[in-house]
Amino acid sequence: SADEVPAIINSDPPITNLSKRPVLQPKETTPPQFLCTLRNPQGKVCVRASLGVEYVVRENKKNYYFNMNPSSTQATGFCGNQKSILSLDFDGGHLEFTFIKVPTVAFISMKILAPSAFHNKTYVGVINHDKLFKAKNGLSFQCKSQMTLILASYFRVKLVPLQIQAFDLANGAFGKEVECWEDYNKRMIPIILGAVAAAVCLIAILTYVLVRERRGQGYEQL
């Protein structure tokens, strides 16, 4: 089950002494999944996210990794009617989601700051113009497959698994899931391949039967 990250609403004091600064690792491991919620000053949930986060940095032709740790991460942000912001903060970086609501659809633009503990370098990546994780209002976006966001030639972020929603969360819970394209392909491709294989087998059987019948008719005419 996912750990829950404590949320701090925008009226709370700034965060200090979050954790020990992260260190990029030479080997990749599965990131822990955690749950975070953001509430407005009235206590109503405006953003809810369940995810695992892995940073991938390429340095000197090698990949290095950092998994976001739920125990050293805090959720801050802002709740608005048309725009909300969720920031997952840790000592050394943060992952920020900006949610935009239009009349029928909510989507996300992302601004990301990576860990800065590798050779005292700061790795920055921004996605400002793409509409990510689109879902109709009241629904949540879900992707069980790994989602990789390429932010630069040397920097990417992996999200796995992911379920996220802003605005219109009934009783603070996720709405019905909108399936990502990667999950849809994984689910449909075996079905399509199975249907194609069944069709090929059926065609082969029908061809065999027709050929056999024609041969039988030919013998009778002789």
Foldseek 3Di string as FASTA:
>chain_A
DAAEAAEDEPVDDDDDCLDPADDWAQDDDWFGWHKYFYAYPVGHTFKIKIWWKKKWFADPNGITIDTDDRSRWHWYWYADPAWIKIWIDGVFWIKIWIWGDDPWKIFTFTWTWGGQPYVNHTDGFGGGPDTHQMDTAQAKEWEQDWDWADRDPGIIMIIHTIIIDGHNDVVNHHGHYDYDPVVVCVVCVVVVVVVVVVVVVVVVVVVVVVVVVVVVVVVVVD
